[in-house]
Amino acid sequence: MKYLILTLFIILNTSSSASELQSECFGSTQSGSLKRGVALPESGPNFVSYSFLASNLGRTYVHSEVKSIMLQAYKGLHRKTPSKVFKYAETGHKNGGQFKPHKTHQNGLSVDHMVPVTRNGKSVHLPTNLSNKLGYAIEFSTDGIYKDYRIDFESLAALITEIHLETLNHGHEIRRVIFDPKMTPYLYRTSYGNYLKKNIQFSKKRSWVRHDEHIHIDFKIPCQ
């Protein structure tokens, strides 16, 4: 009996903890908030945060469903392309709300992701530091070249595809992906091109910032 009670106590507390971690979003990405936001981990086998400092300052919080989607997508990518590395960027505050300098990122459903790049043919992380505004000040040529870094369009297409597949597995959708419209055709030339054309809504007009060094993803998850 003692062990039965102890087992029930552990199960109930585990269920309670899991329930507490479920986020709630309110409003929209442009005007919203987040309840019980969760932070993305600073690193994993094939990914890192754009800034450990920014992560510790609380700029990498998302809705719990978004966190699960991202981590499962990274796992899938690591299994399929173990030599490739990825770097996510800004997401939002723990409680959502205004997230300067961004106009969105307010309800936990937005994720910025640095473009995967190669250097001398090897998959590497795009440098993100204070001198280049944590990567956001980097400017690629229209064909994806910055100094000796080249955008790995195949890996970027794989990343978007894997995230979309995991989003569907979680019963949700991707609302849009913002990427420089002049560079999007390079994604359509990859082996994932047909899938992206059929399933992903890319921005057709240039945003207020170019979005060449990073993509912006808005997830479509029910909010209050």
N, C-alpha and C. Protein backbone atom coordinates (compact mmCIF):
# COMPACT_ATOMS: atom_id res chain seq x y z
N MET A 1 0.84 -1.21 0.00
CA MET A 1 0.00 0.00 0.00
C MET A 1 0.88 1.26 0.00
N LYS A 2 1.94 1.26 0.79
CA LYS A 2 2.83 2.42 0.88
C LYS A 2 3.42 2.75 -0.48
N TYR A 3 3.84 1.69 -1.22
CA TYR A 3 4.45 1.91 -2.52
C TYR A 3 3.42 2.36 -3.55
N LEU A 4 2.17 1.86 -3.41
CA LEU A 4 1.10 2.27 -4.31
C LEU A 4 0.80 3.75 -4.15
N ILE A 5 0.74 4.22 -2.90
CA ILE A 5 0.48 5.64 -2.63
C ILE A 5 1.61 6.51 -3.17
N LEU A 6 2.86 6.05 -2.98
CA LEU A 6 4.01 6.79 -3.47
C LEU A 6 3.98 6.90 -5.00
N THR A 7 3.62 5.78 -5.66
CA THR A 7 3.54 5.77 -7.13
C THR A 7 2.48 6.73 -7.62
N LEU A 8 1.30 6.71 -6.97
CA LEU A 8 0.22 7.62 -7.36
C LEU A 8 0.62 9.07 -7.15
N PHE A 9 1.34 9.34 -6.08
CA PHE A 9 1.81 10.70 -5.79
C PHE A 9 2.74 11.20 -6.89
N ILE A 10 3.66 10.33 -7.34
CA ILE A 10 4.61 10.70 -8.39
C ILE A 10 3.88 10.96 -9.70
N ILE A 11 2.92 10.08 -10.03
CA ILE A 11 2.17 10.23 -11.29
C ILE A 11 1.37 11.53 -11.29
N LEU A 12 0.68 11.81 -10.18
CA LEU A 12 -0.14 13.01 -10.09
C LEU A 12 0.71 14.27 -10.18
N ASN A 13 1.85 14.26 -9.52
CA ASN A 13 2.72 15.43 -9.54
C ASN A 13 3.37 15.62 -10.90
N THR A 14 3.69 14.49 -11.57
CA THR A 14 4.25 14.58 -12.91
C THR A 14 3.24 15.16 -13.87
N SER A 15 1.98 14.69 -13.76
CA SER A 15 0.92 15.19 -14.63
C SER A 15 0.68 16.66 -14.38
N SER A 16 0.72 17.05 -13.10
CA SER A 16 0.50 18.44 -12.76
C SER A 16 1.59 19.33 -13.33
N SER A 17 2.86 18.86 -13.23
CA SER A 17 3.98 19.63 -13.75
C SER A 17 3.88 19.78 -15.25
N ALA A 18 3.49 18.67 -15.93
CA ALA A 18 3.37 18.73 -17.38
C ALA A 18 2.30 19.71 -17.78
N SER A 19 1.18 19.71 -17.01
CA SER A 19 0.07 20.62 -17.31
C SER A 19 0.51 22.07 -17.14
N GLU A 20 1.30 22.34 -16.11
CA GLU A 20 1.74 23.70 -15.83
C GLU A 20 2.63 24.24 -16.94
N LEU A 21 3.29 23.33 -17.68
CA LEU A 21 4.19 23.77 -18.72
C LEU A 21 3.47 24.12 -20.03
N GLN A 22 2.19 23.78 -20.14
CA GLN A 22 1.44 24.10 -21.35
C GLN A 22 1.19 25.60 -21.43
N SER A 23 1.63 26.19 -22.51
CA SER A 23 1.48 27.63 -22.67
C SER A 23 0.09 28.01 -23.18
N GLU A 24 -0.27 29.26 -22.96
CA GLU A 24 -1.47 29.85 -23.54
C GLU A 24 -1.07 31.14 -24.24
N CYS A 25 -1.53 31.32 -25.46
CA CYS A 25 -1.22 32.56 -26.18
C CYS A 25 -2.48 33.39 -26.34
N PHE A 26 -2.29 34.68 -26.43
CA PHE A 26 -3.40 35.62 -26.52
C PHE A 26 -3.14 36.62 -27.63
N GLY A 27 -4.19 36.97 -28.36
CA GLY A 27 -4.06 37.97 -29.41
C GLY A 27 -3.30 37.45 -30.61
N SER A 28 -2.54 38.34 -31.23
CA SER A 28 -1.81 38.00 -32.46
C SER A 28 -0.31 38.21 -32.27
N THR A 29 0.44 37.87 -33.30
CA THR A 29 1.89 38.08 -33.22
C THR A 29 2.22 39.57 -33.16
N GLN A 30 1.32 40.40 -33.73
CA GLN A 30 1.55 41.86 -33.73
C GLN A 30 1.06 42.53 -32.45
N SER A 31 0.11 41.93 -31.77
CA SER A 31 -0.46 42.51 -30.55
C SER A 31 -0.99 41.38 -29.68
N GLY A 32 -0.14 40.88 -28.79
CA GLY A 32 -0.55 39.73 -28.00
C GLY A 32 0.29 39.54 -26.77
N SER A 33 0.06 38.40 -26.13
CA SER A 33 0.82 38.07 -24.93
C SER A 33 0.90 36.55 -24.80
N LEU A 34 1.62 36.11 -23.80
CA LEU A 34 1.89 34.68 -23.62
C LEU A 34 1.85 34.33 -22.15
N LYS A 35 1.29 33.20 -21.84
CA LYS A 35 1.23 32.73 -20.46
C LYS A 35 1.99 31.42 -20.37
N ARG A 36 2.85 31.30 -19.38
CA ARG A 36 3.69 30.12 -19.18
C ARG A 36 4.57 29.84 -20.39
N GLY A 37 5.22 30.88 -20.90
CA GLY A 37 6.17 30.71 -21.99
C GLY A 37 7.35 29.87 -21.54
N VAL A 38 7.98 29.18 -22.47
CA VAL A 38 9.12 28.32 -22.15
C VAL A 38 10.30 28.72 -23.02
N ALA A 39 11.50 28.58 -22.49
CA ALA A 39 12.71 28.99 -23.21
C ALA A 39 13.24 27.85 -24.06
N LEU A 40 13.72 28.18 -25.24
CA LEU A 40 14.42 27.19 -26.05
C LEU A 40 15.78 26.92 -25.40
N PRO A 41 16.27 25.69 -25.45
CA PRO A 41 17.59 25.40 -24.88
C PRO A 41 18.68 26.14 -25.65
N GLU A 42 19.76 26.46 -24.96
CA GLU A 42 20.83 27.24 -25.59
C GLU A 42 21.58 26.46 -26.66
N SER A 43 21.55 25.14 -26.58
CA SER A 43 22.24 24.34 -27.60
C SER A 43 21.75 22.90 -27.57
N GLY A 44 22.07 22.20 -28.63
CA GLY A 44 21.75 20.78 -28.76
C GLY A 44 22.78 20.16 -29.68
N PRO A 45 22.62 18.89 -30.05
CA PRO A 45 23.61 18.20 -30.89
C PRO A 45 23.91 18.91 -32.21
N ASN A 46 22.92 19.58 -32.79
CA ASN A 46 23.13 20.21 -34.10
C ASN A 46 22.62 21.65 -34.17
N PHE A 47 22.39 22.27 -33.01
CA PHE A 47 21.90 23.65 -33.02
C PHE A 47 22.42 24.43 -31.83
N VAL A 48 22.42 25.76 -31.98
CA VAL A 48 22.79 26.67 -30.88
C VAL A 48 21.90 27.90 -30.95
N SER A 49 21.90 28.64 -29.86
CA SER A 49 21.24 29.93 -29.82
C SER A 49 22.14 30.97 -30.50
N TYR A 50 21.54 32.02 -31.01
CA TYR A 50 22.31 33.08 -31.65
C TYR A 50 23.13 33.87 -30.65
N SER A 51 22.76 33.79 -29.35
CA SER A 51 23.50 34.53 -28.33
C SER A 51 23.16 33.97 -26.96
N PHE A 52 24.16 33.46 -26.26
CA PHE A 52 23.93 32.96 -24.91
C PHE A 52 23.52 34.11 -23.98
N LEU A 53 24.06 35.30 -24.22
CA LEU A 53 23.69 36.46 -23.43
C LEU A 53 22.21 36.79 -23.63
N ALA A 54 21.79 36.86 -24.88
CA ALA A 54 20.39 37.16 -25.18
C ALA A 54 19.46 36.10 -24.61
N SER A 55 19.90 34.84 -24.67
CA SER A 55 19.09 33.76 -24.08
C SER A 55 18.92 33.98 -22.59
N ASN A 56 20.01 34.33 -21.91
CA ASN A 56 19.95 34.55 -20.47
C ASN A 56 19.19 35.82 -20.11
N LEU A 57 19.06 36.73 -21.06
CA LEU A 57 18.27 37.95 -20.83
C LEU A 57 16.79 37.73 -21.12
N GLY A 58 16.45 36.50 -21.51
CA GLY A 58 15.04 36.16 -21.69
C GLY A 58 14.45 36.51 -23.04
N ARG A 59 15.25 36.41 -24.11
CA ARG A 59 14.76 36.76 -25.45
C ARG A 59 14.53 35.54 -26.34
N THR A 60 14.48 34.36 -25.73
CA THR A 60 14.27 33.15 -26.53
C THR A 60 13.14 32.28 -25.97
N TYR A 61 12.05 32.95 -25.54
CA TYR A 61 10.87 32.24 -25.04
C TYR A 61 9.85 32.05 -26.15
N VAL A 62 9.16 30.91 -26.10
CA VAL A 62 8.13 30.60 -27.09
C VAL A 62 6.97 29.86 -26.41
N HIS A 63 5.93 29.64 -27.16
CA HIS A 63 4.82 28.78 -26.74
C HIS A 63 5.36 27.35 -26.61
N SER A 64 4.85 26.59 -25.66
CA SER A 64 5.35 25.23 -25.42
C SER A 64 5.22 24.34 -26.66
N GLU A 65 4.16 24.54 -27.46
CA GLU A 65 4.01 23.75 -28.68
C GLU A 65 5.11 24.09 -29.69
N VAL A 66 5.46 25.37 -29.76
CA VAL A 66 6.52 25.79 -30.68
C VAL A 66 7.86 25.19 -30.25
N LYS A 67 8.12 25.17 -28.96
CA LYS A 67 9.37 24.57 -28.47
C LYS A 67 9.44 23.10 -28.86
N SER A 68 8.35 22.38 -28.65
CA SER A 68 8.33 20.96 -28.98
C SER A 68 8.54 20.74 -30.47
N ILE A 69 7.89 21.57 -31.29
CA ILE A 69 8.03 21.47 -32.75
C ILE A 69 9.48 21.69 -33.16
N MET A 70 10.10 22.76 -32.64
CA MET A 70 11.47 23.09 -33.02
C MET A 70 12.45 21.98 -32.62
N LEU A 71 12.31 21.48 -31.40
CA LEU A 71 13.25 20.46 -30.93
C LEU A 71 13.10 19.15 -31.71
N GLN A 72 11.86 18.80 -32.03
CA GLN A 72 11.64 17.58 -32.82
C GLN A 72 12.18 17.76 -34.23
N ALA A 73 12.04 18.97 -34.77
CA ALA A 73 12.57 19.25 -36.11
C ALA A 73 14.09 19.13 -36.12
N TYR A 74 14.75 19.66 -35.09
CA TYR A 74 16.21 19.54 -35.01
C TYR A 74 16.63 18.07 -34.92
N LYS A 75 15.86 17.28 -34.17
CA LYS A 75 16.17 15.84 -34.07
C LYS A 75 16.07 15.18 -35.43
N GLY A 76 15.00 15.52 -36.17
CA GLY A 76 14.83 14.94 -37.49
C GLY A 76 15.96 15.33 -38.43
N LEU A 77 16.36 16.58 -38.37
CA LEU A 77 17.46 17.05 -39.22
C LEU A 77 18.78 16.38 -38.85
N HIS A 78 19.00 16.19 -37.56
CA HIS A 78 20.24 15.55 -37.11
C HIS A 78 20.30 14.10 -37.59
N ARG A 79 19.16 13.46 -37.61
CA ARG A 79 19.10 12.07 -38.07
C ARG A 79 19.33 12.00 -39.59
N LYS A 80 18.75 12.94 -40.33
CA LYS A 80 18.82 12.89 -41.80
C LYS A 80 20.10 13.52 -42.35
N THR A 81 20.57 14.60 -41.70
CA THR A 81 21.77 15.31 -42.19
C THR A 81 22.67 15.62 -40.99
N PRO A 82 23.32 14.62 -40.43
CA PRO A 82 24.09 14.79 -39.20
C PRO A 82 25.26 15.76 -39.30
N SER A 83 25.72 16.08 -40.50
CA SER A 83 26.87 16.99 -40.64
C SER A 83 26.44 18.46 -40.69
N LYS A 84 25.15 18.74 -40.69
CA LYS A 84 24.66 20.11 -40.80
C LYS A 84 24.36 20.70 -39.43
N VAL A 85 24.66 22.00 -39.28
CA VAL A 85 24.40 22.69 -38.01
C VAL A 85 23.47 23.88 -38.25
N PHE A 86 22.73 24.25 -37.19
CA PHE A 86 21.70 25.28 -37.30
C PHE A 86 21.78 26.24 -36.11
N LYS A 87 21.24 27.43 -36.32
CA LYS A 87 21.28 28.45 -35.28
C LYS A 87 19.97 29.24 -35.29
N TYR A 88 19.21 29.14 -34.20
CA TYR A 88 17.99 29.94 -34.11
C TYR A 88 18.32 31.32 -33.54
N ALA A 89 17.40 32.27 -33.72
CA ALA A 89 17.65 33.64 -33.27
C ALA A 89 16.52 34.09 -32.33
N GLU A 90 16.07 35.33 -32.46
CA GLU A 90 15.12 35.89 -31.51
C GLU A 90 13.74 35.24 -31.61
N THR A 91 13.09 35.11 -30.44
CA THR A 91 11.74 34.53 -30.43
C THR A 91 10.76 35.44 -29.68
N GLY A 92 11.00 35.71 -28.41
CA GLY A 92 10.10 36.57 -27.66
C GLY A 92 10.34 36.49 -26.16
N HIS A 93 9.57 37.30 -25.41
CA HIS A 93 9.67 37.31 -23.95
C HIS A 93 8.83 36.20 -23.33
N LYS A 94 9.10 35.88 -22.09
CA LYS A 94 8.39 34.83 -21.38
C LYS A 94 6.90 35.09 -21.33
N ASN A 95 6.52 36.34 -21.14
CA ASN A 95 5.10 36.70 -21.07
C ASN A 95 4.62 37.40 -22.34
N GLY A 96 5.41 37.31 -23.41
CA GLY A 96 5.02 37.93 -24.66
C GLY A 96 5.05 39.44 -24.58
N GLY A 97 4.19 40.09 -25.35
CA GLY A 97 4.13 41.54 -25.37
C GLY A 97 5.17 42.15 -26.29
N GLN A 98 5.29 43.46 -26.23
CA GLN A 98 6.19 44.19 -27.13
C GLN A 98 7.61 43.65 -27.05
N PHE A 99 8.22 43.49 -28.22
CA PHE A 99 9.53 42.86 -28.30
C PHE A 99 10.40 43.66 -29.26
N LYS A 100 10.89 44.79 -28.79
CA LYS A 100 11.69 45.68 -29.63
C LYS A 100 13.00 45.02 -30.03
N PRO A 101 13.47 45.27 -31.26
CA PRO A 101 12.94 46.20 -32.27
C PRO A 101 11.90 45.58 -33.20
N HIS A 102 11.44 44.37 -32.89
CA HIS A 102 10.52 43.66 -33.77
C HIS A 102 9.11 44.23 -33.69
N LYS A 103 8.39 44.09 -34.79
CA LYS A 103 6.98 44.51 -34.82
C LYS A 103 6.05 43.36 -34.47
N THR A 104 6.59 42.16 -34.45
CA THR A 104 5.78 40.98 -34.10
C THR A 104 6.40 40.28 -32.88
N HIS A 105 6.41 38.96 -32.86
CA HIS A 105 7.02 38.18 -31.75
C HIS A 105 6.31 38.42 -30.42
N GLN A 106 5.02 38.70 -30.41
CA GLN A 106 4.36 39.10 -29.17
C GLN A 106 3.57 38.01 -28.45
N ASN A 107 3.28 36.89 -29.11
CA ASN A 107 2.45 35.88 -28.44
C ASN A 107 3.06 34.48 -28.43
N GLY A 108 4.38 34.41 -28.62
CA GLY A 108 5.08 33.13 -28.51
C GLY A 108 5.04 32.25 -29.74
N LEU A 109 4.49 32.77 -30.84
CA LEU A 109 4.34 31.96 -32.05
C LEU A 109 5.27 32.38 -33.18
N SER A 110 6.25 33.22 -32.87
CA SER A 110 7.20 33.68 -33.89
C SER A 110 8.62 33.22 -33.55
N VAL A 111 9.32 32.74 -34.56
CA VAL A 111 10.71 32.30 -34.38
C VAL A 111 11.55 32.85 -35.53
N ASP A 112 12.64 33.53 -35.20
CA ASP A 112 13.64 33.90 -36.19
C ASP A 112 14.70 32.81 -36.21
N HIS A 113 15.19 32.52 -37.40
CA HIS A 113 16.21 31.48 -37.53
C HIS A 113 17.27 31.95 -38.51
N MET A 114 18.51 31.98 -38.07
CA MET A 114 19.60 32.36 -38.95
C MET A 114 19.71 31.36 -40.10
N VAL A 115 20.05 31.87 -41.29
CA VAL A 115 20.19 30.96 -42.43
C VAL A 115 21.38 30.04 -42.20
N PRO A 116 21.25 28.75 -42.50
CA PRO A 116 22.40 27.86 -42.41
C PRO A 116 23.39 28.21 -43.51
N VAL A 117 24.67 28.15 -43.19
CA VAL A 117 25.70 28.55 -44.15
C VAL A 117 26.82 27.52 -44.21
N THR A 118 27.59 27.64 -45.28
CA THR A 118 28.80 26.83 -45.40
C THR A 118 30.00 27.76 -45.55
N ARG A 119 31.14 27.27 -45.14
CA ARG A 119 32.41 27.98 -45.30
C ARG A 119 33.44 26.98 -45.75
N ASN A 120 34.01 27.23 -46.91
CA ASN A 120 34.93 26.26 -47.52
C ASN A 120 34.27 24.89 -47.65
N GLY A 121 32.99 24.91 -47.97
CA GLY A 121 32.26 23.67 -48.22
C GLY A 121 31.75 22.95 -46.99
N LYS A 122 32.05 23.47 -45.79
CA LYS A 122 31.64 22.82 -44.54
C LYS A 122 30.52 23.59 -43.87
N SER A 123 29.56 22.87 -43.31
CA SER A 123 28.46 23.50 -42.59
C SER A 123 28.98 24.13 -41.30
N VAL A 124 28.76 25.44 -41.15
CA VAL A 124 29.21 26.17 -39.95
C VAL A 124 28.11 27.12 -39.51
N HIS A 125 28.29 27.67 -38.31
CA HIS A 125 27.33 28.65 -37.81
C HIS A 125 27.67 30.04 -38.34
N LEU A 126 26.67 30.78 -38.76
CA LEU A 126 26.87 32.17 -39.14
C LEU A 126 27.31 32.95 -37.91
N PRO A 127 28.38 33.75 -37.98
CA PRO A 127 28.84 34.50 -36.81
C PRO A 127 27.76 35.49 -36.33
N THR A 128 27.47 35.45 -35.07
CA THR A 128 26.50 36.38 -34.49
C THR A 128 27.10 36.97 -33.23
N ASN A 129 27.42 38.26 -33.27
CA ASN A 129 28.07 38.91 -32.14
C ASN A 129 27.63 40.37 -32.08
N LEU A 130 28.14 41.08 -31.10
CA LEU A 130 27.73 42.47 -30.91
C LEU A 130 28.16 43.35 -32.08
N SER A 131 29.27 43.01 -32.73
CA SER A 131 29.75 43.85 -33.83
C SER A 131 28.84 43.80 -35.06
N ASN A 132 28.09 42.72 -35.22
CA ASN A 132 27.16 42.64 -36.36
C ASN A 132 25.70 42.58 -35.89
N LYS A 133 25.45 43.16 -34.70
CA LYS A 133 24.11 43.22 -34.11
C LYS A 133 23.50 41.82 -34.00
N LEU A 134 24.32 40.90 -33.47
CA LEU A 134 23.93 39.51 -33.26
C LEU A 134 23.50 38.84 -34.56
N GLY A 135 24.14 39.24 -35.63
CA GLY A 135 23.89 38.63 -36.93
C GLY A 135 22.91 39.39 -37.80
N TYR A 136 22.08 40.21 -37.18
CA TYR A 136 21.01 40.89 -37.92
C TYR A 136 21.54 41.99 -38.85
N ALA A 137 22.77 42.42 -38.67
CA ALA A 137 23.34 43.46 -39.54
C ALA A 137 24.08 42.89 -40.74
N ILE A 138 24.18 41.56 -40.81
CA ILE A 138 24.85 40.92 -41.94
C ILE A 138 24.02 41.12 -43.22
N GLU A 139 24.69 41.39 -44.32
CA GLU A 139 24.01 41.56 -45.60
C GLU A 139 24.59 40.58 -46.63
N PHE A 140 23.74 39.67 -47.09
CA PHE A 140 24.14 38.73 -48.12
C PHE A 140 23.85 39.31 -49.50
N SER A 141 24.62 38.88 -50.48
CA SER A 141 24.27 39.21 -51.86
C SER A 141 23.01 38.43 -52.22
N THR A 142 22.36 38.82 -53.31
CA THR A 142 21.10 38.17 -53.69
C THR A 142 21.28 36.68 -53.94
N ASP A 143 22.50 36.27 -54.35
CA ASP A 143 22.74 34.85 -54.57
C ASP A 143 23.31 34.16 -53.33
N GLY A 144 23.27 34.85 -52.17
CA GLY A 144 23.57 34.19 -50.91
C GLY A 144 25.03 34.15 -50.49
N ILE A 145 25.79 35.21 -50.80
CA ILE A 145 27.21 35.23 -50.42
C ILE A 145 27.48 36.40 -49.49
N TYR A 146 28.23 36.13 -48.40
CA TYR A 146 28.69 37.15 -47.47
C TYR A 146 30.11 36.78 -47.06
N LYS A 147 31.07 37.60 -47.51
CA LYS A 147 32.49 37.28 -47.27
C LYS A 147 32.76 35.87 -47.77
N ASP A 148 33.27 34.98 -46.89
CA ASP A 148 33.50 33.61 -47.36
C ASP A 148 32.43 32.64 -46.87
N TYR A 149 31.27 33.18 -46.55
CA TYR A 149 30.12 32.36 -46.16
C TYR A 149 29.12 32.30 -47.30
N ARG A 150 28.52 31.15 -47.51
CA ARG A 150 27.49 30.97 -48.52
C ARG A 150 26.24 30.37 -47.87
N ILE A 151 25.10 30.91 -48.21
CA ILE A 151 23.86 30.33 -47.69
C ILE A 151 23.71 28.92 -48.24
N ASP A 152 23.45 27.99 -47.37
CA ASP A 152 23.20 26.60 -47.75
C ASP A 152 21.70 26.47 -48.01
N PHE A 153 21.28 26.78 -49.23
CA PHE A 153 19.86 26.80 -49.55
C PHE A 153 19.23 25.41 -49.40
N GLU A 154 19.98 24.38 -49.68
CA GLU A 154 19.46 23.02 -49.51
C GLU A 154 19.13 22.75 -48.05
N SER A 155 20.03 23.16 -47.14
CA SER A 155 19.79 22.96 -45.71
C SER A 155 18.68 23.87 -45.20
N LEU A 156 18.60 25.08 -45.75
CA LEU A 156 17.52 25.99 -45.35
C LEU A 156 16.17 25.42 -45.76
N ALA A 157 16.09 24.89 -46.97
CA ALA A 157 14.86 24.26 -47.44
C ALA A 157 14.51 23.04 -46.59
N ALA A 158 15.54 22.27 -46.22
CA ALA A 158 15.33 21.09 -45.37
C ALA A 158 14.80 21.51 -44.00
N LEU A 159 15.36 22.60 -43.47
CA LEU A 159 14.94 23.11 -42.17
C LEU A 159 13.46 23.51 -42.19
N ILE A 160 13.06 24.29 -43.18
CA ILE A 160 11.67 24.74 -43.27
C ILE A 160 10.73 23.55 -43.45
N THR A 161 11.14 22.61 -44.29
CA THR A 161 10.32 21.41 -44.53
C THR A 161 10.15 20.60 -43.26
N GLU A 162 11.25 20.38 -42.54
CA GLU A 162 11.19 19.57 -41.31
C GLU A 162 10.33 20.25 -40.25
N ILE A 163 10.46 21.56 -40.13
CA ILE A 163 9.64 22.30 -39.17
C ILE A 163 8.17 22.18 -39.55
N HIS A 164 7.87 22.28 -40.83
CA HIS A 164 6.48 22.17 -41.27
C HIS A 164 5.92 20.78 -40.99
N LEU A 165 6.70 19.74 -41.28
CA LEU A 165 6.24 18.38 -41.02
C LEU A 165 5.96 18.16 -39.53
N GLU A 166 6.84 18.69 -38.68
CA GLU A 166 6.63 18.54 -37.24
C GLU A 166 5.43 19.38 -36.77
N THR A 167 5.22 20.52 -37.42
CA THR A 167 4.05 21.34 -37.08
C THR A 167 2.77 20.56 -37.38
N LEU A 168 2.73 19.89 -38.52
CA LEU A 168 1.57 19.07 -38.87
C LEU A 168 1.40 17.92 -37.88
N ASN A 169 2.52 17.31 -37.47
CA ASN A 169 2.47 16.21 -36.50
C ASN A 169 1.87 16.66 -35.17
N HIS A 170 2.03 17.94 -34.87
CA HIS A 170 1.47 18.49 -33.63
C HIS A 170 0.05 19.02 -33.83
N GLY A 171 -0.49 18.84 -35.02
CA GLY A 171 -1.86 19.26 -35.28
C GLY A 171 -2.02 20.74 -35.59
N HIS A 172 -0.93 21.38 -36.04
CA HIS A 172 -0.98 22.82 -36.31
C HIS A 172 -0.51 23.11 -37.73
N GLU A 173 -0.33 24.40 -38.03
CA GLU A 173 0.15 24.81 -39.35
C GLU A 173 1.15 25.96 -39.19
N ILE A 174 1.88 26.23 -40.26
CA ILE A 174 2.73 27.42 -40.33
C ILE A 174 1.94 28.49 -41.06
N ARG A 175 1.81 29.65 -40.46
CA ARG A 175 1.04 30.73 -41.09
C ARG A 175 1.81 31.36 -42.23
N ARG A 176 3.10 31.63 -42.01
CA ARG A 176 3.91 32.23 -43.06
C ARG A 176 5.39 32.11 -42.72
N VAL A 177 6.20 32.23 -43.76
CA VAL A 177 7.66 32.32 -43.61
C VAL A 177 8.10 33.58 -44.34
N ILE A 178 8.80 34.45 -43.63
CA ILE A 178 9.32 35.67 -44.24
C ILE A 178 10.79 35.44 -44.61
N PHE A 179 11.08 35.63 -45.87
CA PHE A 179 12.44 35.51 -46.41
C PHE A 179 12.52 36.46 -47.58
N ASP A 180 13.68 37.01 -47.85
CA ASP A 180 13.85 37.94 -48.95
C ASP A 180 13.25 37.34 -50.23
N PRO A 181 12.20 37.97 -50.78
CA PRO A 181 11.54 37.42 -51.97
C PRO A 181 12.47 37.19 -53.16
N LYS A 182 13.55 37.97 -53.24
CA LYS A 182 14.49 37.80 -54.34
C LYS A 182 15.34 36.55 -54.17
N MET A 183 15.37 36.01 -52.93
CA MET A 183 16.19 34.82 -52.66
C MET A 183 15.36 33.55 -52.59
N THR A 184 14.06 33.70 -52.43
CA THR A 184 13.18 32.53 -52.32
C THR A 184 13.30 31.57 -53.50
N PRO A 185 13.47 32.06 -54.74
CA PRO A 185 13.60 31.12 -55.87
C PRO A 185 14.72 30.10 -55.70
N TYR A 186 15.76 30.45 -54.95
CA TYR A 186 16.85 29.49 -54.72
C TYR A 186 16.36 28.30 -53.90
N LEU A 187 15.37 28.53 -53.04
CA LEU A 187 14.80 27.44 -52.25
C LEU A 187 14.01 26.49 -53.16
N TYR A 188 13.35 27.06 -54.16
CA TYR A 188 12.55 26.24 -55.07
C TYR A 188 13.42 25.38 -55.99
N ARG A 189 14.71 25.70 -56.07
CA ARG A 189 15.61 24.91 -56.91
C ARG A 189 16.21 23.73 -56.16
N THR A 190 15.93 23.62 -54.87
CA THR A 190 16.46 22.51 -54.07
C THR A 190 15.58 21.28 -54.24
N SER A 191 16.00 20.19 -53.63
CA SER A 191 15.21 18.95 -53.70
C SER A 191 13.90 19.06 -52.94
N TYR A 192 13.75 20.11 -52.13
CA TYR A 192 12.52 20.33 -51.37
C TYR A 192 11.61 21.36 -52.03
N GLY A 193 12.02 21.83 -53.21
CA GLY A 193 11.31 22.91 -53.86
C GLY A 193 9.83 22.68 -54.07
N ASN A 194 9.47 21.53 -54.61
CA ASN A 194 8.06 21.25 -54.87
C ASN A 194 7.24 21.23 -53.59
N TYR A 195 7.82 20.67 -52.53
CA TYR A 195 7.12 20.62 -51.25
C TYR A 195 6.88 22.03 -50.73
N LEU A 196 7.89 22.87 -50.80
CA LEU A 196 7.76 24.24 -50.30
C LEU A 196 6.73 25.03 -51.10
N LYS A 197 6.73 24.85 -52.41
CA LYS A 197 5.75 25.55 -53.25
C LYS A 197 4.32 25.18 -52.87
N LYS A 198 4.10 23.92 -52.55
CA LYS A 198 2.76 23.43 -52.25
C LYS A 198 2.31 23.75 -50.83
N ASN A 199 3.25 23.85 -49.89
CA ASN A 199 2.87 23.87 -48.48
C ASN A 199 3.23 25.12 -47.68
N ILE A 200 4.13 25.95 -48.19
CA ILE A 200 4.61 27.08 -47.40
C ILE A 200 4.22 28.41 -48.04
N GLN A 201 3.65 29.29 -47.23
CA GLN A 201 3.32 30.63 -47.69
C GLN A 201 4.50 31.55 -47.39
N PHE A 202 5.26 31.86 -48.43
CA PHE A 202 6.39 32.77 -48.28
C PHE A 202 5.93 34.21 -48.53
N SER A 203 6.63 35.14 -47.91
CA SER A 203 6.35 36.55 -48.14
C SER A 203 6.63 36.89 -49.60
N LYS A 204 5.74 37.66 -50.20
CA LYS A 204 5.91 38.03 -51.61
C LYS A 204 6.49 39.44 -51.76
N LYS A 205 6.39 40.23 -50.71
CA LYS A 205 6.95 41.57 -50.72
C LYS A 205 8.02 41.69 -49.65
N ARG A 206 9.01 42.54 -49.91
CA ARG A 206 10.07 42.74 -48.93
C ARG A 206 9.50 43.35 -47.66
N SER A 207 9.92 42.81 -46.52
CA SER A 207 9.49 43.33 -45.22
C SER A 207 10.23 44.62 -44.90
N TRP A 208 9.92 45.21 -43.74
CA TRP A 208 10.59 46.47 -43.35
C TRP A 208 12.08 46.27 -43.12
N VAL A 209 12.48 45.02 -42.84
CA VAL A 209 13.90 44.66 -42.88
C VAL A 209 14.02 43.51 -43.88
N ARG A 210 15.19 43.35 -44.46
CA ARG A 210 15.33 42.52 -45.65
C ARG A 210 15.07 41.02 -45.43
N HIS A 211 15.46 40.47 -44.30
CA HIS A 211 15.32 39.04 -44.04
C HIS A 211 16.13 38.21 -45.04
N ASP A 212 17.40 38.53 -45.14
CA ASP A 212 18.30 37.73 -45.97
C ASP A 212 19.21 36.86 -45.11
N GLU A 213 19.57 37.38 -43.93
CA GLU A 213 20.45 36.64 -43.02
C GLU A 213 19.65 35.74 -42.07
N HIS A 214 18.34 35.93 -42.05
CA HIS A 214 17.49 35.07 -41.22
C HIS A 214 16.11 34.94 -41.86
N ILE A 215 15.41 33.89 -41.47
CA ILE A 215 14.02 33.73 -41.85
C ILE A 215 13.16 33.96 -40.61
N HIS A 216 11.94 34.37 -40.83
CA HIS A 216 10.99 34.58 -39.74
C HIS A 216 9.83 33.61 -39.97
N ILE A 217 9.50 32.83 -38.94
CA ILE A 217 8.40 31.87 -39.02
C ILE A 217 7.31 32.25 -38.05
N ASP A 218 6.07 32.32 -38.53
CA ASP A 218 4.90 32.49 -37.67
C ASP A 218 4.10 31.20 -37.69
N PHE A 219 3.88 30.64 -36.52
CA PHE A 219 3.10 29.39 -36.41
C PHE A 219 1.61 29.72 -36.23
N LYS A 220 0.78 28.84 -36.75
CA LYS A 220 -0.67 29.01 -36.63
C LYS A 220 -1.17 28.04 -35.57
N ILE A 221 -1.24 28.55 -34.34
CA ILE A 221 -1.68 27.76 -33.18
C ILE A 221 -2.80 28.55 -32.51
N PRO A 222 -3.90 27.90 -32.13
CA PRO A 222 -5.04 28.62 -31.55
C PRO A 222 -4.66 29.44 -30.33
N CYS A 223 -5.13 30.71 -30.30
CA CYS A 223 -4.90 31.61 -29.17
C CYS A 223 -6.23 32.14 -28.67
N GLN A 224 -6.21 32.64 -27.44
CA GLN A 224 -7.41 33.26 -26.86
C GLN A 224 -7.65 34.62 -27.47
